[in-house]
Every structure is written in structure tokens, then in C-alpha cells.
C-alpha atoms as a PDB file:
ATOM      1  CA  MET A   1      93.588  72.612 193.115  1.00  0.00           C
ATOM      2  CA  ASP A   2      91.329  75.649 193.601  1.00  0.00           C
ATOM      3  CA  ALA A   3      92.623  79.148 193.231  1.00  0.00           C
ATOM      4  CA  LEU A   4      92.674  79.915 196.958  1.00  0.00           C
ATOM      5  CA  THR A   5      94.798  76.825 197.662  1.00  0.00           C
ATOM      6  CA  GLN A   6      97.066  77.508 194.897  1.00  0.00           C
ATOM      7  CA  ALA A   7      97.639  81.253 195.906  1.00  0.00           C
ATOM      8  CA  GLN A   8      98.297  79.920 199.441  1.00  0.00           C
ATOM      9  CA  ASN A   9     100.816  77.312 198.424  1.00  0.00           C
ATOM     10  CA  ASN A  10     102.486  79.816 196.152  1.00  0.00           C
ATOM     11  CA  GLY A  11     102.950  82.240 198.949  1.00  0.00           C
ATOM     12  CA  ASP A  12     101.003  84.807 197.106  1.00  0.00           C
ATOM     13  CA  MET A  13      99.169  86.500 200.023  1.00  0.00           C
ATOM     14  CA  ASN A  14      97.835  89.455 197.885  1.00  0.00           C
ATOM     15  CA  ALA A  15      96.070  86.786 195.656  1.00  0.00           C
ATOM     16  CA  PHE A  16      95.101  84.792 198.646  1.00  0.00           C
ATOM     17  CA  ILE A  17      93.507  87.838 200.441  1.00  0.00           C
ATOM     18  CA  GLN A  18      91.748  88.978 197.224  1.00  0.00           C
ATOM     19  CA  ILE A  19      90.154  85.592 196.671  1.00  0.00           C
ATOM     20  CA  LEU A  20      89.056  85.479 200.237  1.00  0.00           C
ATOM     21  CA  ARG A  21      87.532  88.901 199.922  1.00  0.00           C
ATOM     22  CA  LEU A  22      85.578  87.878 196.752  1.00  0.00           C
ATOM     23  CA  ARG A  23      84.417  84.751 198.402  1.00  0.00           C
ATOM     24  CA  SER A  24      83.297  86.706 201.392  1.00  0.00           C
ATOM     25  CA  ILE A  25      81.272  88.972 199.205  1.00  0.00           C
ATOM     26  CA  GLU A  26      79.805  86.051 197.309  1.00  0.00           C
ATOM     27  CA  LEU A  27      78.814  84.349 200.602  1.00  0.00           C
ATOM     28  CA  ALA A  28      77.325  87.603 201.942  1.00  0.00           C
ATOM     29  CA  LYS A  29      75.273  87.927 198.817  1.00  0.00           C
ATOM     30  CA  ALA A  30      74.067  84.198 199.069  1.00  0.00           C
ATOM     31  CA  ILE A  31      73.104  84.807 202.772  1.00  0.00           C
ATOM     32  CA  HIS A  32      71.372  88.069 201.850  1.00  0.00           C
ATOM     33  CA  GLU A  33      69.359  86.329 199.119  1.00  0.00           C
ATOM     34  CA  VAL A  34      68.377  83.426 201.378  1.00  0.00           C
ATOM     35  CA  SER A  35      67.331  85.645 204.239  1.00  0.00           C
ATOM     36  CA  THR A  36      65.434  88.067 202.136  1.00  0.00           C
ATOM     37  CA  GLY A  37      64.435  85.878 199.130  1.00  0.00           C
ATOM     38  CA  SER A  38      62.901  82.832 200.746  1.00  0.00           C
ATOM     39  CA  TYR A  39      60.552  84.703 202.855  1.00  0.00           C
ATOM     40  CA  SER A  40      58.081  87.721 202.263  1.00  0.00           C
ATOM     41  CA  ILE A  41      57.400  86.856 198.690  1.00  0.00           C
ATOM     42  CA  ALA A  42      54.030  88.561 199.646  1.00  0.00           C
ATOM     43  CA  ASP A  43      52.681  89.454 202.961  1.00  0.00           C
ATOM     44  CA  LYS A  44      49.551  87.496 202.737  1.00  0.00           C
ATOM     45  CA  ALA A  45      46.804  85.999 200.531  1.00  0.00           C
ATOM     46  CA  PHE A  46      43.461  86.685 201.955  1.00  0.00           C
ATOM     47  CA  TYR A  47      40.061  85.378 200.835  1.00  0.00           C
ATOM     48  CA  VAL A  48      37.557  88.195 200.768  1.00  0.00           C
ATOM     49  CA  ASN A  49      33.744  88.266 201.031  1.00  0.00           C
ATOM     50  CA  GLY A  50      32.993  91.406 202.752  1.00  0.00           C
ATOM     51  CA  PHE A  51      34.028  94.753 204.062  1.00  0.00           C
ATOM     52  CA  ARG A  52      34.526  96.645 207.252  1.00  0.00           C
ATOM     53  CA  PRO A  53      34.315 100.309 206.348  1.00  0.00           C
ATOM     54  CA  ASP A  54      35.733 101.550 209.549  1.00  0.00           C
ATOM     55  CA  ARG A  55      39.076 100.119 209.022  1.00  0.00           C
ATOM     56  CA  HIS A  56      41.698 100.116 206.466  1.00  0.00           C
ATOM     57  CA  CYS A  57      44.501  97.778 205.143  1.00  0.00           C
ATOM     58  CA  GLN A  58      43.772  93.886 205.438  1.00  0.00           C
ATOM     59  CA  PRO A  59      41.554  94.439 208.584  1.00  0.00           C
ATOM     60  CA  CYS A  60      38.831  96.167 206.389  1.00  0.00           C
ATOM     61  CA  SER A  61      38.372  92.831 204.458  1.00  0.00           C
ATOM     62  CA  LYS A  62      35.969  90.249 205.909  1.00  0.00           C
ATOM     63  CA  GLY A  63      37.139  86.705 205.071  1.00  0.00           C
ATOM     64  CA  ARG A  64      40.188  84.560 206.021  1.00  0.00           C
ATOM     65  CA  ARG A  65      43.738  84.263 205.172  1.00  0.00           C
ATOM     66  CA  HIS A  66      45.366  81.503 203.239  1.00  0.00           C
ATOM     67  CA  GLU A  67      46.972  79.411 205.795  1.00  0.00           C
ATOM     68  CA  ALA A  68      50.237  78.703 203.872  1.00  0.00           C
ATOM     69  CA  PHE A  69      50.594  82.058 202.063  1.00  0.00           C
ATOM     70  CA  TYR A  70      51.184  84.681 204.606  1.00  0.00           C
ATOM     71  CA  THR A  71      54.173  86.374 206.215  1.00  0.00           C
ATOM     72  CA  GLY A  72      56.797  83.953 207.644  1.00  0.00           C
ATOM     73  CA  ARG A  73      55.432  80.970 205.645  1.00  0.00           C
ATOM     74  CA  ALA A  74      55.233  82.073 201.967  1.00  0.00           C
ATOM     75  CA  ARG A  75      58.374  81.049 200.126  1.00  0.00           C
ATOM     76  CA  THR A  76      59.716  81.638 196.723  1.00  0.00           C
ATOM     77  CA  GLY A  77      59.567  78.935 194.122  1.00  0.00           C
ATOM     78  CA  GLN A  78      56.383  77.402 195.711  1.00  0.00           C
ATOM     79  CA  VAL A  79      53.150  76.724 194.164  1.00  0.00           C
ATOM     80  CA  TYR A  80      50.138  77.761 196.307  1.00  0.00           C
ATOM     81  CA  GLU A  81      46.640  76.525 195.445  1.00  0.00           C
ATOM     82  CA  LEU A  82      44.014  79.073 196.086  1.00  0.00           C
ATOM     83  CA  ASN A  83      41.367  76.402 196.816  1.00  0.00           C
ATOM     84  CA  ALA A  84      38.686  78.257 198.605  1.00  0.00           C
ATOM     85  CA  MET A  85      37.707  80.508 195.636  1.00  0.00           C
ATOM     86  CA  ASN A  86      34.343  78.609 195.449  1.00  0.00           C
ATOM     87  CA  GLN A  87      33.557  79.995 198.903  1.00  0.00           C
ATOM     88  CA  TYR A  88      34.887  83.531 198.546  1.00  0.00           C
ATOM     89  CA  PRO A  89      34.392  85.752 195.443  1.00  0.00           C
ATOM     90  CA  PHE A  90      37.945  87.321 195.733  1.00  0.00           C
ATOM     91  CA  VAL A  91      41.447  86.566 196.815  1.00  0.00           C
ATOM     92  CA  TYR A  92      43.622  89.676 197.719  1.00  0.00           C
ATOM     93  CA  ILE A  93      47.380  89.157 197.572  1.00  0.00           C
ATOM     94  CA  CYS A  94      49.195  91.882 199.401  1.00  0.00           C
ATOM     95  CA  GLY A  95      52.797  92.597 200.002  1.00  0.00           C
ATOM     96  CA  VAL A  96      53.875  95.488 202.206  1.00  0.00           C
ATOM     97  CA  GLY A  97      57.184  97.212 201.604  1.00  0.00           C
ATOM     98  CA  ILE A  98      59.486  98.250 204.475  1.00  0.00           C
ATOM     99  CA  GLY A  99      60.556 101.665 205.491  1.00  0.00           C
ATOM    100  CA  PRO A 100      58.902 105.033 206.431  1.00  0.00           C
ATOM    101  CA  ASP A 101      55.203 105.371 205.730  1.00  0.00           C
ATOM    102  CA  LYS A 102      55.897 108.289 203.300  1.00  0.00           C
ATOM    103  CA  ASP A 103      58.084 106.059 201.080  1.00  0.00           C
ATOM    104  CA  CYS A 104      56.737 102.530 201.869  1.00  0.00           C
ATOM    105  CA  TRP A 105      53.508 102.773 199.931  1.00  0.00           C
ATOM    106  CA  LYS A 106      55.607 102.868 196.658  1.00  0.00           C
ATOM    107  CA  GLN A 107      56.789  99.329 197.314  1.00  0.00           C
ATOM    108  CA  ASN A 108      53.512  97.742 198.263  1.00  0.00           C
ATOM    109  CA  LEU A 109      52.158  95.064 196.002  1.00  0.00           C
ATOM    110  CA  HIS A 110      48.230  94.779 195.596  1.00  0.00           C
ATOM    111  CA  LEU A 111      46.791  91.981 193.554  1.00  0.00           C
ATOM    112  CA  PRO A 112      43.052  91.394 194.027  1.00  0.00           C
ATOM    113  CA  LEU A 113      41.834  88.533 191.919  1.00  0.00           C
ATOM    114  CA  ILE A 114      38.697  86.822 190.872  1.00  0.00           C
ATOM    115  CA  HIS A 115      38.662  83.173 189.615  1.00  0.00           C
ATOM    116  CA  VAL A 116      38.388  83.056 185.774  1.00  0.00           C
ATOM    117  CA  PRO A 117      39.390  79.714 184.192  1.00  0.00           C
ATOM    118  CA  GLY A 118      42.003  79.873 181.355  1.00  0.00           C
ATOM    119  CA  GLN A 119      43.338  83.440 182.254  1.00  0.00           C
ATOM    120  CA  ASP A 120      46.605  84.137 183.881  1.00  0.00           C
ATOM    121  CA  VAL A 121      48.029  87.136 185.806  1.00  0.00           C
ATOM    122  CA  SER A 122      51.540  88.012 186.461  1.00  0.00           C
ATOM    123  CA  ILE A 123      52.950  90.931 188.556  1.00  0.00           C
ATOM    124  CA  THR A 124      56.515  91.728 189.807  1.00  0.00           C
ATOM    125  CA  SER A 125      57.106  92.941 193.336  1.00  0.00           C
ATOM    126  CA  TYR A 126      59.523  95.773 194.246  1.00  0.00           C
ATOM    127  CA  LYS A 127      61.956  93.017 195.282  1.00  0.00           C
ATOM    128  CA  GLY A 128      61.752  91.523 191.738  1.00  0.00           C
ATOM    129  CA  TYR A 129      59.759  88.533 192.552  1.00  0.00           C
ATOM    130  CA  VAL A 130      57.276  87.565 189.810  1.00  0.00           C
ATOM    131  CA  PHE A 131      53.973  86.190 190.904  1.00  0.00           C
ATOM    132  CA  THR A 132      51.804  84.226 188.362  1.00  0.00           C
ATOM    133  CA  VAL A 133      48.428  83.256 189.204  1.00  0.00           C
ATOM    134  CA  ARG A 134      46.579  80.815 186.994  1.00  0.00           C
ATOM    135  CA  ASN A 135      42.921  80.831 186.246  1.00  0.00           C
ATOM    136  CA  ALA A 136      42.576  84.355 187.598  1.00  0.00           C
ATOM    137  CA  ARG A 137      41.975  87.815 186.496  1.00  0.00           C
ATOM    138  CA  ALA A 138      43.270  90.967 188.281  1.00  0.00           C
ATOM    139  CA  ILE A 139      40.568  93.413 189.407  1.00  0.00           C
ATOM    140  CA  PRO A 140      41.419  97.060 188.963  1.00  0.00           C
ATOM    141  CA  ILE A 141      41.618  99.186 192.061  1.00  0.00           C
ATOM    142  CA  PRO A 142      39.996 102.605 191.392  1.00  0.00           C
ATOM    143  CA  PRO A 143      41.365 105.401 193.455  1.00  0.00           C
ATOM    144  CA  LEU A 144      39.379 107.454 195.807  1.00  0.00           C
ATOM    145  CA  PRO A 145      39.906 111.191 195.710  1.00  0.00           C
ATOM    146  CA  GLU A 146      41.646 112.999 198.680  1.00  0.00           C
ATOM    147  CA  GLY A 147      39.099 113.813 201.368  1.00  0.00           C
ATOM    148  CA  TRP A 148      36.582 111.338 199.946  1.00  0.00           C
ATOM    149  CA  ASN A 149      33.626 111.232 202.468  1.00  0.00           C
ATOM    150  CA  GLU A 150      35.742 113.412 204.801  1.00  0.00           C
ATOM    151  CA  LEU A 151      37.831 110.264 205.714  1.00  0.00           C
ATOM    152  CA  ASP A 152      41.471 110.724 206.584  1.00  0.00           C
ATOM    153  CA  ARG A 153      44.275 110.397 204.045  1.00  0.00           C
ATOM    154  CA  LYS A 154      45.506 107.015 205.453  1.00  0.00           C
ATOM    155  CA  MET A 155      42.065 105.537 204.949  1.00  0.00           C
ATOM    156  CA  VAL A 156      41.354 107.003 201.469  1.00  0.00           C
ATOM    157  CA  ARG A 157      44.854 105.989 200.102  1.00  0.00           C
ATOM    158  CA  CYS A 158      44.735 102.506 201.225  1.00  0.00           C
ATOM    159  CA  LYS A 159      44.369 100.209 198.322  1.00  0.00           C
ATOM    160  CA  ASN A 160      42.565  97.402 200.338  1.00  0.00           C
ATOM    161  CA  PHE A 161      39.973 100.044 201.313  1.00  0.00           C
ATOM    162  CA  GLN A 162      39.750 101.380 197.830  1.00  0.00           C
ATOM    163  CA  PHE A 163      39.224  97.852 196.484  1.00  0.00           C
ATOM    164  CA  ALA A 164      36.486  97.015 199.093  1.00  0.00           C
ATOM    165  CA  VAL A 165      34.624 100.290 198.345  1.00  0.00           C
ATOM    166  CA  ALA A 166      34.582  99.406 194.726  1.00  0.00           C
ATOM    167  CA  GLN A 167      33.490  95.887 195.251  1.00  0.00           C
ATOM    168  CA  PHE A 168      31.122  96.022 198.157  1.00  0.00           C
ATOM    169  CA  GLY A 169      30.023  99.776 198.371  1.00  0.00           C
ATOM    170  CA  TYR A 170      30.550 102.150 201.403  1.00  0.00           C
ATOM    171  CA  THR A 171      28.043 102.636 204.255  1.00  0.00           C
ATOM    172  CA  GLU A 172      29.118 105.056 206.810  1.00  0.00           C
ATOM    173  CA  THR A 173      29.692 103.715 210.422  1.00  0.00           C
ATOM    174  CA  HIS A 174      29.654 105.700 213.538  1.00  0.00           C
END
């Protein structure tokens, strides 16, 4: 007989209520883990082969998204094969945090990669998810100084944009 049934049978209502509360908390935690943990392990994986210098965030990248590894489809505990690396020089894994813009950027995950047989890369998201990518090397993202090329702060601070400038160069667009 479990503790809940035993408390109920003994007429110990305080113990019965306490056990119910604990089980409710455990259930709420389990529901929270399922609802937040099984989705959004990263916003997307995007194969990159070019740059649109008039945009920032993922739209500045030319290429295509990984069909199984983007918001709403990507799940924890899964293995995703990045099988288009022979057609694209880079894959960019990007996870966007939630909240106001002034704080959200601290939670974002940026992991640009290049295929390198025998090397592994691991990174932990703000939610505590560990991403391990096999046969790849992370590419550093050099920051751009404030006001670079007289562009606004949102553009210059965007990691996708910084990566693209470093890898493809920058040509002003009008």
C-alpha cells in the first residue's frame, strides 16, 4: 500500500494532504520539464553559404534551415545528422532566449560550425541543455565595435551578423 492510501485509511488527513501537495509539486515539475524540455533545445540549425549585409539575425545568412532541427521540431535526446555539410561551408546553431531584448541576449546560444572529422564540440544552453556536435569545430565570432560602419546597435551586436562579416566580408548596401 502506498503512503497516500495508508494515510487515507488511517484517517490522518494532515499526512494525506501533505502527500497530495508533494505529488502535485512533483507533477507540476514533470509537466514543466516536458513542456519546456522537449522543445526549443535550440531555435534552429541553418546551413550557411553566404551573407545578406542589409539584415541581421538568421535572415542575414544565405542558405537553408535543417528541416528537422528548428523551433517546434527539435527535441532533447535526439541525434540530428547535419548531412548537407558537403554543400555548405558552415552550419549555424542558434537558440534565442526569452524575455525583454535588454536581457534576452544573455540567454542566446550561438554555435557556428565547420566540418572537421575527429573533432567534437560541446556547449551548454541557458536552460542547461548540452549540445554535442561530432566531427565539427566551433568557429569564433569576433565582436564588432559599437557604431561599426555607422550601423545601428542591433545590427552590430547581432552574433549572426558578426559571424557573417568575419566569414564573408562586408559590402555596404543601399
